[in-house]
Structures are given as structure tokens and as C-alpha cells.
Amino acid sequence: MTVKEMIEDTKVDLKLEVVCGEEGLNNEIVAHDINRPGLAVAGYVEFFGSERIQVLGKGEIAHLGNLTKEKRIKILEGMFKHKISCFIVSWDQKIPEELIKFTKENKVPLLRTSIPTGMVTALLTFYLERMFAPEINIHGNLVEVHGVGVLLLGDSGIGKSECALELVERGQRLVADDVVKIKRVGPGQLLGFPSEQLEHHMEIRGLGIIDLKEMFGVTCVSSEAEIELAVYLEMWNPETEYDRLGLDEKTIEMLGVNIPEIIIPLQPGRNIAVIVEVAAMNQRLKKMGKFSAKDFDQKLRKRLTKE
């Protein structure tokens, strides 16, 4: 990602103003960490995190301002021996002339914002961690059902899109159809996104491409959802023994994260959309500490023991 792409991205609104260094707007951002170069502006650059975005707050700017011109130039010379992607000055502060001169000469974008330093670092960290998060693309559908991100999986043509369409008609929200982009944004957190090409569109065999946003309104689509449950759809196999109690907790691994998974066999007369809705609500109960199948099993065992 380049500095220019970060400035133009609406996902992070830092109200950035380009002070100088426009020639370096195509500099690449290669790290998701933010650096407050306090030690660097004090003259210690041995472990200077130059590959990170440099955020200059009130402390750094005040320290540079208190130095003599010769000392300022010496410190900036040491910093600019390293390759720097860009500087961001917070609080809409006045920038030392020497810093402007060095950024121009070295083609390093110098940006300024009126936002406080803490908020700048928080917003940038959140944004960059998502941008640099490991990701995969999988074939499936992602629907937000009662606040739970449900990933619909199964063979091509099994009916994933039709199930997602019925869920939307029942008031749920579509995130992605056919291709789901998945990012790991935390130790155990996966976020799903639609592909840039499809977004709120859906393909229904025999009908073609439809625009759900235009048909059902903006409330029926979502730009992202945390994946908390995977539902695998397959044709009913009489030789397969399907779970009837719900005590067995299966999981599917994606990007090192285990997601709860249930297998739903398809058979004429079964309303799969309703089953998916109940599965999502049951998953919410589990997260709240209420495991219905285990509670029922314990009650039954106590009754049998008593009798």
C-alpha cells in the first residue's frame, strides 16, 4: 500500500493535509506498526523504526523546537539516513522549517492533521492491522444472521445462494456471495468481506445476477461481519449418521482459527433458512454460556439416575 492510497482510503478518515513531499506519495507502507520517534528526535537512531509511519506529537515537535538550528539539522540528518515512508504531525502543529526542508529533499511526504496524537495512532493502528492482516479467499456465502456471521459452505450448485437469498428475505443481511474474503484481525477473530467485483450482487442459477441492495434496500447488505459459525450444506446421505443431539462440537480451521461448524443435510421439505437462523441463535446462546444440548443431557442423566 502506498501513502497516497492510505490518504485516499475512506476507511480511515484522518483529515490529512499534504504539507510537502508530494513526490513521495507513492512510497510504500510496509509495516502495520506506528512509530513515535521520541528517541530519534533526541539523537538516538540505532533502533529507529524507520520502516513504520512516523507520528510526531506535541512532545516530539516541542523538543525539536527547543533545539538550536545546528542541533536540529544534525538530528534530522541522522533520521533521514534511513528510508522513511512518511511523517504525520498531529494537533495541527507548526512544523519546523528544517523538517520541511529535509522532507522535500528526500521526497518523504509530510502530512498534518488536527486530530490529537492518541486518536491518530489508535485509528492508524486499527486500520493498518486490518490492511496487513493475513487473508484468504474461499468459495461460499457469508450472511449476518441475528448479529452472527454465518459462513455457508458446500459444493457448487448445492443451494448456498438460494439459502442466503431466503435469509435476506427474512430480514437478515448479506455480506458476500460466491467469493468471501477472510482476514484474521486478531488471535481468534476472523472477519469476512465481499469481493470488490461482486459486493452486494448475487448470482442465482436460472435467474442471473441480481442487485440485493436495489431490491431490498441498504439494510439488507453489510460490508463485513465477524465469522462465528460455519454451516456446511450437503445432500442427504442415508448411510451417514448425522448429529441429532448437538453434543459433538465440530470445528473448521481457517487461518489458524477454529470456527464452530455444523453439517446440514438437504432433503425435500426441509426449510434450510429457518434451520440456519436457529443455528445462529443457538451459537449466540453458547457464547453467553447457555449450551442447550448439554443442559438437556445433564437433566436427562439426573432423572435416569434418580429413577
C-alpha atoms as a PDB file:
ATOM      1  CA  MET A   1       0.000   0.000   0.000  1.00  0.00           C
ATOM      2  CA  THR A   2       1.255   3.485  -0.852  1.00  0.00           C
ATOM      3  CA  VAL A   3       0.968   6.670   1.194  1.00  0.00           C
ATOM      4  CA  LYS A   4      -1.372   8.101  -1.447  1.00  0.00           C
ATOM      5  CA  GLU A   5      -3.698   5.087  -1.178  1.00  0.00           C
ATOM      6  CA  MET A   6      -3.823   5.485   2.599  1.00  0.00           C
ATOM      7  CA  ILE A   7      -4.707   9.185   2.305  1.00  0.00           C
ATOM      8  CA  GLU A   8      -7.484   8.491  -0.206  1.00  0.00           C
ATOM      9  CA  ASP A   9      -8.926   5.471   1.614  1.00  0.00           C
ATOM     10  CA  THR A  10     -12.282   6.375   3.158  1.00  0.00           C
ATOM     11  CA  LYS A  11     -11.937   3.567   5.733  1.00  0.00           C
ATOM     12  CA  VAL A  12      -9.625   5.796   7.772  1.00  0.00           C
ATOM     13  CA  ASP A  13     -10.581   9.470   7.905  1.00  0.00           C
ATOM     14  CA  LEU A  14      -7.603  11.246   9.441  1.00  0.00           C
ATOM     15  CA  LYS A  15      -8.249  14.552   7.622  1.00  0.00           C
ATOM     16  CA  LEU A  16      -4.674  14.523   6.364  1.00  0.00           C
ATOM     17  CA  GLU A  17      -3.197  17.587   4.676  1.00  0.00           C
ATOM     18  CA  VAL A  18      -0.104  17.174   2.485  1.00  0.00           C
ATOM     19  CA  VAL A  19       2.315  19.878   3.617  1.00  0.00           C
ATOM     20  CA  CYS A  20       5.152  18.889   1.268  1.00  0.00           C
ATOM     21  CA  GLY A  21       6.921  15.885  -0.214  1.00  0.00           C
ATOM     22  CA  GLU A  22       4.278  15.184  -2.857  1.00  0.00           C
ATOM     23  CA  GLU A  23       6.914  13.410  -4.948  1.00  0.00           C
ATOM     24  CA  GLY A  24       6.990  10.630  -2.359  1.00  0.00           C
ATOM     25  CA  LEU A  25       3.258   9.897  -2.196  1.00  0.00           C
ATOM     26  CA  ASN A  26       3.947   6.585  -3.940  1.00  0.00           C
ATOM     27  CA  ASN A  27       6.249   5.496  -1.110  1.00  0.00           C
ATOM     28  CA  GLU A  28       5.205   2.083   0.134  1.00  0.00           C
ATOM     29  CA  ILE A  29       3.928   1.435   3.647  1.00  0.00           C
ATOM     30  CA  VAL A  30       5.335  -1.961   4.621  1.00  0.00           C
ATOM     31  CA  ALA A  31       4.598  -2.202   8.361  1.00  0.00           C
ATOM     32  CA  HIS A  32       1.386  -2.126  10.373  1.00  0.00           C
ATOM     33  CA  ASP A  33       3.066  -0.623  13.448  1.00  0.00           C
ATOM     34  CA  ILE A  34       3.173   3.096  14.250  1.00  0.00           C
ATOM     35  CA  ASN A  35       6.341   4.802  15.481  1.00  0.00           C
ATOM     36  CA  ARG A  36       6.558   7.769  17.855  1.00  0.00           C
ATOM     37  CA  PRO A  37      10.200   8.766  17.178  1.00  0.00           C
ATOM     38  CA  GLY A  38      10.915  10.204  20.606  1.00  0.00           C
ATOM     39  CA  LEU A  39      14.385   8.649  20.886  1.00  0.00           C
ATOM     40  CA  ALA A  40      15.175   9.533  17.277  1.00  0.00           C
ATOM     41  CA  VAL A  41      14.460  13.239  17.766  1.00  0.00           C
ATOM     42  CA  ALA A  42      16.667  13.043  20.864  1.00  0.00           C
ATOM     43  CA  GLY A  43      19.517  11.833  18.659  1.00  0.00           C
ATOM     44  CA  TYR A  44      19.433   8.064  19.274  1.00  0.00           C
ATOM     45  CA  VAL A  45      18.718   6.335  15.937  1.00  0.00           C
ATOM     46  CA  GLU A  46      20.362   2.923  16.453  1.00  0.00           C
ATOM     47  CA  PHE A  47      16.998   1.154  16.764  1.00  0.00           C
ATOM     48  CA  PHE A  48      14.989   3.735  14.804  1.00  0.00           C
ATOM     49  CA  GLY A  49      11.836   2.088  13.404  1.00  0.00           C
ATOM     50  CA  SER A  50      12.124   3.924  10.112  1.00  0.00           C
ATOM     51  CA  GLU A  51      10.010   1.403   8.159  1.00  0.00           C
ATOM     52  CA  ARG A  52       6.936   2.468  10.148  1.00  0.00           C
ATOM     53  CA  ILE A  53       4.752   5.555   9.752  1.00  0.00           C
ATOM     54  CA  GLN A  54       6.297   8.322  11.890  1.00  0.00           C
ATOM     55  CA  VAL A  55       3.784  10.184  14.076  1.00  0.00           C
ATOM     56  CA  LEU A  56       5.029  13.432  15.586  1.00  0.00           C
ATOM     57  CA  GLY A  57       3.037  14.600  18.582  1.00  0.00           C
ATOM     58  CA  LYS A  58       3.405  17.634  20.798  1.00  0.00           C
ATOM     59  CA  GLY A  59       6.382  16.142  22.634  1.00  0.00           C
ATOM     60  CA  GLU A  60       8.453  15.486  19.512  1.00  0.00           C
ATOM     61  CA  ILE A  61       7.659  18.845  17.884  1.00  0.00           C
ATOM     62  CA  ALA A  62       8.306  20.749  21.130  1.00  0.00           C
ATOM     63  CA  HIS A  63      11.666  19.015  21.600  1.00  0.00           C
ATOM     64  CA  LEU A  64      12.744  19.857  18.036  1.00  0.00           C
ATOM     65  CA  GLY A  65      11.647  23.438  18.582  1.00  0.00           C
ATOM     66  CA  ASN A  66      13.747  23.783  21.732  1.00  0.00           C
ATOM     67  CA  LEU A  67      16.938  22.701  19.987  1.00  0.00           C
ATOM     68  CA  THR A  68      19.349  25.009  18.272  1.00  0.00           C
ATOM     69  CA  LYS A  69      19.225  25.086  14.492  1.00  0.00           C
ATOM     70  CA  GLU A  70      22.551  23.259  14.204  1.00  0.00           C
ATOM     71  CA  LYS A  71      21.429  20.530  16.615  1.00  0.00           C
ATOM     72  CA  ARG A  72      18.102  20.171  14.795  1.00  0.00           C
ATOM     73  CA  ILE A  73      19.860  19.719  11.454  1.00  0.00           C
ATOM     74  CA  LYS A  74      22.262  17.140  12.922  1.00  0.00           C
ATOM     75  CA  ILE A  75      19.403  15.084  14.394  1.00  0.00           C
ATOM     76  CA  LEU A  76      17.345  15.231  11.189  1.00  0.00           C
ATOM     77  CA  GLU A  77      20.387  14.197   9.151  1.00  0.00           C
ATOM     78  CA  GLY A  78      20.671  11.087  11.314  1.00  0.00           C
ATOM     79  CA  MET A  79      16.985  10.270  10.889  1.00  0.00           C
ATOM     80  CA  PHE A  80      16.943  10.781   7.120  1.00  0.00           C
ATOM     81  CA  LYS A  81      19.837   8.390   6.605  1.00  0.00           C
ATOM     82  CA  HIS A  82      17.090   5.769   6.954  1.00  0.00           C
ATOM     83  CA  LYS A  83      14.322   5.140   4.443  1.00  0.00           C
ATOM     84  CA  ILE A  84      11.103   6.685   5.792  1.00  0.00           C
ATOM     85  CA  SER A  85       7.652   6.230   4.240  1.00  0.00           C
ATOM     86  CA  CYS A  86       6.029   9.398   5.659  1.00  0.00           C
ATOM     87  CA  PHE A  87       5.592  11.725   8.644  1.00  0.00           C
ATOM     88  CA  ILE A  88       2.271  12.666  10.242  1.00  0.00           C
ATOM     89  CA  VAL A  89       2.144  15.729  12.502  1.00  0.00           C
ATOM     90  CA  SER A  90      -0.851  15.783  14.874  1.00  0.00           C
ATOM     91  CA  TRP A  91      -2.691  18.608  16.639  1.00  0.00           C
ATOM     92  CA  ASP A  92      -2.263  20.851  13.546  1.00  0.00           C
ATOM     93  CA  GLN A  93       1.103  21.979  14.950  1.00  0.00           C
ATOM     94  CA  LYS A  94       3.556  24.368  13.379  1.00  0.00           C
ATOM     95  CA  ILE A  95       6.289  22.359  11.694  1.00  0.00           C
ATOM     96  CA  PRO A  96       9.989  23.316  11.988  1.00  0.00           C
ATOM     97  CA  GLU A  97      11.426  24.680   8.743  1.00  0.00           C
ATOM     98  CA  GLU A  98      14.317  22.207   8.821  1.00  0.00           C
ATOM     99  CA  LEU A  99      11.906  19.259   8.861  1.00  0.00           C
ATOM    100  CA  ILE A 100      10.059  20.680   5.853  1.00  0.00           C
ATOM    101  CA  LYS A 101      13.404  21.144   4.052  1.00  0.00           C
ATOM    102  CA  PHE A 102      14.565  17.573   4.719  1.00  0.00           C
ATOM    103  CA  THR A 103      11.253  16.002   3.678  1.00  0.00           C
ATOM    104  CA  LYS A 104      11.293  17.940   0.413  1.00  0.00           C
ATOM    105  CA  GLU A 105      14.880  16.983  -0.373  1.00  0.00           C
ATOM    106  CA  ASN A 106      14.355  13.306   0.458  1.00  0.00           C
ATOM    107  CA  LYS A 107      10.889  13.083  -1.177  1.00  0.00           C
ATOM    108  CA  VAL A 108       9.198  11.973   2.044  1.00  0.00           C
ATOM    109  CA  PRO A 109       5.542  13.035   2.387  1.00  0.00           C
ATOM    110  CA  LEU A 110       4.960  15.343   5.341  1.00  0.00           C
ATOM    111  CA  LEU A 111       1.323  15.164   6.428  1.00  0.00           C
ATOM    112  CA  ARG A 112      -0.556  17.148   9.037  1.00  0.00           C
ATOM    113  CA  THR A 113      -3.863  16.667  10.820  1.00  0.00           C
ATOM    114  CA  SER A 114      -5.819  18.457  13.517  1.00  0.00           C
ATOM    115  CA  ILE A 115      -6.655  15.156  15.247  1.00  0.00           C
ATOM    116  CA  PRO A 116      -4.968  14.511  18.646  1.00  0.00           C
ATOM    117  CA  THR A 117      -1.945  12.199  18.674  1.00  0.00           C
ATOM    118  CA  GLY A 118      -3.583   9.391  20.646  1.00  0.00           C
ATOM    119  CA  MET A 119      -6.513   9.207  18.268  1.00  0.00           C
ATOM    120  CA  VAL A 120      -4.215   9.293  15.235  1.00  0.00           C
ATOM    121  CA  THR A 121      -2.192   6.324  16.485  1.00  0.00           C
ATOM    122  CA  ALA A 122      -5.330   4.394  17.501  1.00  0.00           C
ATOM    123  CA  LEU A 123      -7.079   4.910  14.158  1.00  0.00           C
ATOM    124  CA  LEU A 124      -3.948   4.152  12.147  1.00  0.00           C
ATOM    125  CA  THR A 125      -3.133   1.009  14.136  1.00  0.00           C
ATOM    126  CA  PHE A 126      -6.673  -0.333  13.755  1.00  0.00           C
ATOM    127  CA  TYR A 127      -6.665   0.456  10.033  1.00  0.00           C
ATOM    128  CA  LEU A 128      -3.209  -0.928   9.248  1.00  0.00           C
ATOM    129  CA  GLU A 129      -3.729  -4.127  11.237  1.00  0.00           C
ATOM    130  CA  ARG A 130      -6.732  -4.860   9.040  1.00  0.00           C
ATOM    131  CA  MET A 131      -4.930  -3.923   5.847  1.00  0.00           C
ATOM    132  CA  PHE A 132      -1.909  -6.123   6.628  1.00  0.00           C
ATOM    133  CA  ALA A 133      -3.870  -8.993   8.193  1.00  0.00           C
ATOM    134  CA  PRO A 134      -3.328 -12.454   6.617  1.00  0.00           C
ATOM    135  CA  GLU A 135      -6.201 -13.299   4.289  1.00  0.00           C
ATOM    136  CA  ILE A 136      -7.663 -15.994   2.074  1.00  0.00           C
ATOM    137  CA  ASN A 137     -10.488 -16.194  -0.456  1.00  0.00           C
ATOM    138  CA  ILE A 138     -12.921 -19.089  -0.229  1.00  0.00           C
ATOM    139  CA  HIS A 139     -15.931 -20.227  -2.232  1.00  0.00           C
ATOM    140  CA  GLY A 140     -19.076 -19.706  -0.179  1.00  0.00           C
ATOM    141  CA  ASN A 141     -21.617 -17.207   1.123  1.00  0.00           C
ATOM    142  CA  LEU A 142     -21.464 -15.031   4.210  1.00  0.00           C
ATOM    143  CA  VAL A 143     -24.667 -13.833   5.876  1.00  0.00           C
ATOM    144  CA  GLU A 144     -25.140 -11.894   9.101  1.00  0.00           C
ATOM    145  CA  VAL A 145     -27.939 -13.730  10.906  1.00  0.00           C
ATOM    146  CA  HIS A 146     -29.237 -12.114  14.114  1.00  0.00           C
ATOM    147  CA  GLY A 147     -25.824 -10.489  14.569  1.00  0.00           C
ATOM    148  CA  VAL A 148     -23.891 -13.724  13.973  1.00  0.00           C
ATOM    149  CA  GLY A 149     -21.685 -14.046  10.887  1.00  0.00           C
ATOM    150  CA  VAL A 150     -22.649 -17.374   9.296  1.00  0.00           C
ATOM    151  CA  LEU A 151     -20.421 -18.803   6.572  1.00  0.00           C
ATOM    152  CA  LEU A 152     -22.364 -21.045   4.169  1.00  0.00           C
ATOM    153  CA  LEU A 153     -20.188 -23.745   2.617  1.00  0.00           C
ATOM    154  CA  GLY A 154     -20.819 -26.662   0.280  1.00  0.00           C
ATOM    155  CA  ASP A 155     -20.310 -27.967  -3.220  1.00  0.00           C
ATOM    156  CA  SER A 156     -21.043 -25.725  -6.184  1.00  0.00           C
ATOM    157  CA  GLY A 157     -24.758 -25.726  -7.024  1.00  0.00           C
ATOM    158  CA  ILE A 158     -25.817 -27.128  -3.626  1.00  0.00           C
ATOM    159  CA  GLY A 159     -28.023 -24.084  -2.915  1.00  0.00           C
ATOM    160  CA  LYS A 160     -25.888 -21.710  -0.838  1.00  0.00           C
ATOM    161  CA  SER A 161     -27.012 -18.605  -2.730  1.00  0.00           C
ATOM    162  CA  GLU A 162     -30.668 -19.662  -2.599  1.00  0.00           C
ATOM    163  CA  CYS A 163     -30.391 -20.172   1.167  1.00  0.00           C
ATOM    164  CA  ALA A 164     -28.699 -16.754   1.552  1.00  0.00           C
ATOM    165  CA  LEU A 165     -31.417 -15.147  -0.574  1.00  0.00           C
ATOM    166  CA  GLU A 166     -34.177 -16.574   1.617  1.00  0.00           C
ATOM    167  CA  LEU A 167     -32.336 -15.370   4.717  1.00  0.00           C
ATOM    168  CA  VAL A 168     -32.184 -11.853   3.255  1.00  0.00           C
ATOM    169  CA  GLU A 169     -35.886 -12.008   2.505  1.00  0.00           C
ATOM    170  CA  ARG A 170     -36.438 -12.958   6.161  1.00  0.00           C
ATOM    171  CA  GLY A 171     -34.639  -9.800   7.318  1.00  0.00           C
ATOM    172  CA  GLN A 172     -31.012 -10.955   7.568  1.00  0.00           C
ATOM    173  CA  ARG A 173     -28.067  -9.241   5.842  1.00  0.00           C
ATOM    174  CA  LEU A 174     -25.865 -10.487   3.015  1.00  0.00           C
ATOM    175  CA  VAL A 175     -22.135  -9.823   3.294  1.00  0.00           C
ATOM    176  CA  ALA A 176     -20.710 -11.826   0.388  1.00  0.00           C
ATOM    177  CA  ASP A 177     -21.904 -14.185  -2.326  1.00  0.00           C
ATOM    178  CA  ASP A 178     -19.812 -16.792  -4.158  1.00  0.00           C
ATOM    179  CA  VAL A 179     -16.412 -15.415  -3.022  1.00  0.00           C
ATOM    180  CA  VAL A 180     -15.716 -14.497   0.610  1.00  0.00           C
ATOM    181  CA  LYS A 181     -12.528 -12.645   1.522  1.00  0.00           C
ATOM    182  CA  ILE A 182     -11.480 -13.661   5.035  1.00  0.00           C
ATOM    183  CA  LYS A 183      -8.949 -11.814   7.202  1.00  0.00           C
ATOM    184  CA  ARG A 184      -7.571 -12.771  10.607  1.00  0.00           C
ATOM    185  CA  VAL A 185      -7.647  -9.499  12.544  1.00  0.00           C
ATOM    186  CA  GLY A 186      -6.959 -10.965  15.981  1.00  0.00           C
ATOM    187  CA  PRO A 187      -5.698 -14.121  17.717  1.00  0.00           C
ATOM    188  CA  GLY A 188      -9.111 -15.762  17.373  1.00  0.00           C
ATOM    189  CA  GLN A 189     -11.099 -13.348  15.215  1.00  0.00           C
ATOM    190  CA  LEU A 190     -11.931 -13.729  11.527  1.00  0.00           C
ATOM    191  CA  LEU A 191     -13.646 -11.027   9.508  1.00  0.00           C
ATOM    192  CA  GLY A 192     -15.378 -11.728   6.211  1.00  0.00           C
ATOM    193  CA  PHE A 193     -15.703  -9.250   3.347  1.00  0.00           C
ATOM    194  CA  PRO A 194     -17.252  -9.326  -0.131  1.00  0.00           C
ATOM    195  CA  SER A 195     -15.088  -9.261  -3.225  1.00  0.00           C
ATOM    196  CA  GLU A 196     -14.689  -5.822  -4.787  1.00  0.00           C
ATOM    197  CA  GLN A 197     -16.273  -7.035  -8.029  1.00  0.00           C
ATOM    198  CA  LEU A 198     -19.451  -8.600  -6.589  1.00  0.00           C
ATOM    199  CA  GLU A 199     -20.147  -6.603  -3.387  1.00  0.00           C
ATOM    200  CA  HIS A 200     -23.939  -6.619  -2.865  1.00  0.00           C
ATOM    201  CA  HIS A 201     -24.704  -8.658  -6.004  1.00  0.00           C
ATOM    202  CA  MET A 202     -25.789 -12.287  -6.059  1.00  0.00           C
ATOM    203  CA  GLU A 203     -25.889 -14.974  -8.721  1.00  0.00           C
ATOM    204  CA  ILE A 204     -28.973 -17.208  -8.821  1.00  0.00           C
ATOM    205  CA  ARG A 205     -28.887 -20.080 -11.299  1.00  0.00           C
ATOM    206  CA  GLY A 206     -31.665 -19.673 -13.859  1.00  0.00           C
ATOM    207  CA  LEU A 207     -32.148 -16.021 -12.895  1.00  0.00           C
ATOM    208  CA  GLY A 208     -28.693 -14.496 -13.272  1.00  0.00           C
ATOM    209  CA  ILE A 209     -27.069 -11.606 -11.401  1.00  0.00           C
ATOM    210  CA  ILE A 210     -29.320  -9.602  -9.080  1.00  0.00           C
ATOM    211  CA  ASP A 211     -28.632  -6.470  -7.034  1.00  0.00           C
ATOM    212  CA  LEU A 212     -29.885  -7.088  -3.495  1.00  0.00           C
ATOM    213  CA  LYS A 213     -29.197  -3.520  -2.387  1.00  0.00           C
ATOM    214  CA  GLU A 214     -31.542  -2.154  -5.062  1.00  0.00           C
ATOM    215  CA  MET A 215     -34.195  -4.824  -4.486  1.00  0.00           C
ATOM    216  CA  PHE A 216     -34.357  -4.981  -0.687  1.00  0.00           C
ATOM    217  CA  GLY A 217     -32.694  -1.719   0.379  1.00  0.00           C
ATOM    218  CA  VAL A 218     -29.410  -0.807   2.035  1.00  0.00           C
ATOM    219  CA  THR A 219     -30.365  -2.542   5.292  1.00  0.00           C
ATOM    220  CA  CYS A 220     -30.170  -5.988   3.667  1.00  0.00           C
ATOM    221  CA  VAL A 221     -26.408  -5.818   2.967  1.00  0.00           C
ATOM    222  CA  SER A 222     -23.316  -5.370   5.107  1.00  0.00           C
ATOM    223  CA  SER A 223     -19.711  -4.600   4.202  1.00  0.00           C
ATOM    224  CA  GLU A 224     -18.221  -7.024   6.754  1.00  0.00           C
ATOM    225  CA  ALA A 225     -19.075  -9.481   9.508  1.00  0.00           C
ATOM    226  CA  GLU A 226     -17.190 -11.490  12.101  1.00  0.00           C
ATOM    227  CA  ILE A 227     -17.346 -15.174  11.192  1.00  0.00           C
ATOM    228  CA  GLU A 228     -18.646 -17.055  14.222  1.00  0.00           C
ATOM    229  CA  LEU A 229     -20.264 -20.126  12.647  1.00  0.00           C
ATOM    230  CA  ALA A 230     -19.726 -22.254   9.536  1.00  0.00           C
ATOM    231  CA  VAL A 231     -22.652 -24.186   8.063  1.00  0.00           C
ATOM    232  CA  TYR A 232     -21.812 -26.926   5.573  1.00  0.00           C
ATOM    233  CA  LEU A 233     -24.643 -27.911   3.230  1.00  0.00           C
ATOM    234  CA  GLU A 234     -24.625 -31.374   1.673  1.00  0.00           C
ATOM    235  CA  MET A 235     -27.121 -33.736   0.045  1.00  0.00           C
ATOM    236  CA  TRP A 236     -28.777 -36.183   2.425  1.00  0.00           C
ATOM    237  CA  ASN A 237     -26.909 -39.486   2.578  1.00  0.00           C
ATOM    238  CA  PRO A 238     -28.921 -42.301   4.217  1.00  0.00           C
ATOM    239  CA  GLU A 239     -25.678 -44.089   5.107  1.00  0.00           C
ATOM    240  CA  THR A 240     -24.341 -41.109   7.045  1.00  0.00           C
ATOM    241  CA  GLU A 241     -25.132 -40.782  10.736  1.00  0.00           C
ATOM    242  CA  TYR A 242     -25.931 -37.113  11.360  1.00  0.00           C
ATOM    243  CA  ASP A 243     -25.727 -35.430  14.749  1.00  0.00           C
ATOM    244  CA  ARG A 244     -29.140 -35.465  16.427  1.00  0.00           C
ATOM    245  CA  LEU A 245     -28.240 -34.268  19.917  1.00  0.00           C
ATOM    246  CA  GLY A 246     -25.843 -31.391  19.251  1.00  0.00           C
ATOM    247  CA  LEU A 247     -23.290 -32.552  21.834  1.00  0.00           C
ATOM    248  CA  ASP A 248     -20.493 -33.033  19.317  1.00  0.00           C
ATOM    249  CA  GLU A 249     -18.810 -29.697  18.646  1.00  0.00           C
ATOM    250  CA  LYS A 250     -17.098 -29.802  15.263  1.00  0.00           C
ATOM    251  CA  THR A 251     -14.803 -27.025  14.083  1.00  0.00           C
ATOM    252  CA  ILE A 252     -13.215 -25.939  10.823  1.00  0.00           C
ATOM    253  CA  GLU A 253      -9.777 -24.319  10.751  1.00  0.00           C
ATOM    254  CA  MET A 254      -9.157 -21.152   8.732  1.00  0.00           C
ATOM    255  CA  LEU A 255      -6.011 -19.024   9.027  1.00  0.00           C
ATOM    256  CA  GLY A 256      -5.158 -20.769  12.286  1.00  0.00           C
ATOM    257  CA  VAL A 257      -8.553 -20.044  13.868  1.00  0.00           C
ATOM    258  CA  ASN A 258     -11.054 -22.797  14.695  1.00  0.00           C
ATOM    259  CA  ILE A 259     -14.645 -21.874  13.837  1.00  0.00           C
ATOM    260  CA  PRO A 260     -17.641 -23.934  15.063  1.00  0.00           C
ATOM    261  CA  GLU A 261     -19.123 -25.930  12.185  1.00  0.00           C
ATOM    262  CA  ILE A 262     -22.390 -27.762  11.715  1.00  0.00           C
ATOM    263  CA  ILE A 263     -23.401 -30.011   8.819  1.00  0.00           C
ATOM    264  CA  ILE A 264     -26.936 -29.658   7.496  1.00  0.00           C
ATOM    265  CA  PRO A 265     -28.170 -32.410   5.141  1.00  0.00           C
ATOM    266  CA  LEU A 266     -30.502 -31.241   2.390  1.00  0.00           C
ATOM    267  CA  GLN A 267     -33.765 -33.087   1.830  1.00  0.00           C
ATOM    268  CA  PRO A 268     -37.104 -32.091   0.231  1.00  0.00           C
ATOM    269  CA  GLY A 269     -39.315 -30.311   2.740  1.00  0.00           C
ATOM    270  CA  ARG A 270     -36.548 -29.020   4.999  1.00  0.00           C
ATOM    271  CA  ASN A 271     -36.511 -25.229   5.390  1.00  0.00           C
ATOM    272  CA  ILE A 272     -32.766 -24.644   5.449  1.00  0.00           C
ATOM    273  CA  ALA A 273     -33.024 -20.887   6.022  1.00  0.00           C
ATOM    274  CA  VAL A 274     -35.005 -21.405   9.238  1.00  0.00           C
ATOM    275  CA  ILE A 275     -32.519 -24.042  10.409  1.00  0.00           C
ATOM    276  CA  VAL A 276     -29.617 -21.639   9.761  1.00  0.00           C
ATOM    277  CA  GLU A 277     -31.403 -18.913  11.739  1.00  0.00           C
ATOM    278  CA  VAL A 278     -31.917 -21.279  14.689  1.00  0.00           C
ATOM    279  CA  ALA A 279     -28.273 -22.394  14.450  1.00  0.00           C
ATOM    280  CA  ALA A 280     -27.134 -18.755  14.621  1.00  0.00           C
ATOM    281  CA  MET A 281     -29.319 -18.053  17.661  1.00  0.00           C
ATOM    282  CA  ASN A 282     -28.068 -21.250  19.304  1.00  0.00           C
ATOM    283  CA  GLN A 283     -24.483 -20.101  18.704  1.00  0.00           C
ATOM    284  CA  ARG A 284     -25.267 -16.794  20.414  1.00  0.00           C
ATOM    285  CA  LEU A 285     -26.592 -18.712  23.418  1.00  0.00           C
ATOM    286  CA  LYS A 286     -23.384 -20.784  23.549  1.00  0.00           C
ATOM    287  CA  LYS A 287     -21.284 -17.598  23.612  1.00  0.00           C
ATOM    288  CA  MET A 288     -23.412 -16.414  26.527  1.00  0.00           C
ATOM    289  CA  GLY A 289     -22.729 -19.690  28.379  1.00  0.00           C
ATOM    290  CA  LYS A 290     -26.030 -21.431  27.598  1.00  0.00           C
ATOM    291  CA  PHE A 291     -25.463 -24.823  25.919  1.00  0.00           C
ATOM    292  CA  SER A 292     -28.965 -26.236  25.396  1.00  0.00           C
ATOM    293  CA  ALA A 293     -27.897 -29.732  24.320  1.00  0.00           C
ATOM    294  CA  LYS A 294     -25.586 -30.198  27.332  1.00  0.00           C
ATOM    295  CA  ASP A 295     -28.199 -28.799  29.735  1.00  0.00           C
ATOM    296  CA  PHE A 296     -30.785 -31.234  28.378  1.00  0.00           C
ATOM    297  CA  ASP A 297     -28.307 -34.132  28.596  1.00  0.00           C
ATOM    298  CA  GLN A 298     -27.493 -33.328  32.235  1.00  0.00           C
ATOM    299  CA  LYS A 299     -31.168 -33.090  33.195  1.00  0.00           C
ATOM    300  CA  LEU A 300     -31.884 -36.392  31.481  1.00  0.00           C
ATOM    301  CA  ARG A 301     -28.983 -38.135  33.206  1.00  0.00           C
ATOM    302  CA  LYS A 302     -30.073 -36.830  36.631  1.00  0.00           C
ATOM    303  CA  ARG A 303     -33.602 -38.077  36.017  1.00  0.00           C
ATOM    304  CA  LEU A 304     -32.420 -41.516  34.905  1.00  0.00           C
ATOM    305  CA  THR A 305     -30.106 -41.751  37.918  1.00  0.00           C
ATOM    306  CA  LYS A 306     -32.957 -40.804  40.269  1.00  0.00           C
ATOM    307  CA  GLU A 307     -35.319 -43.337  38.736  1.00  0.00           C
END
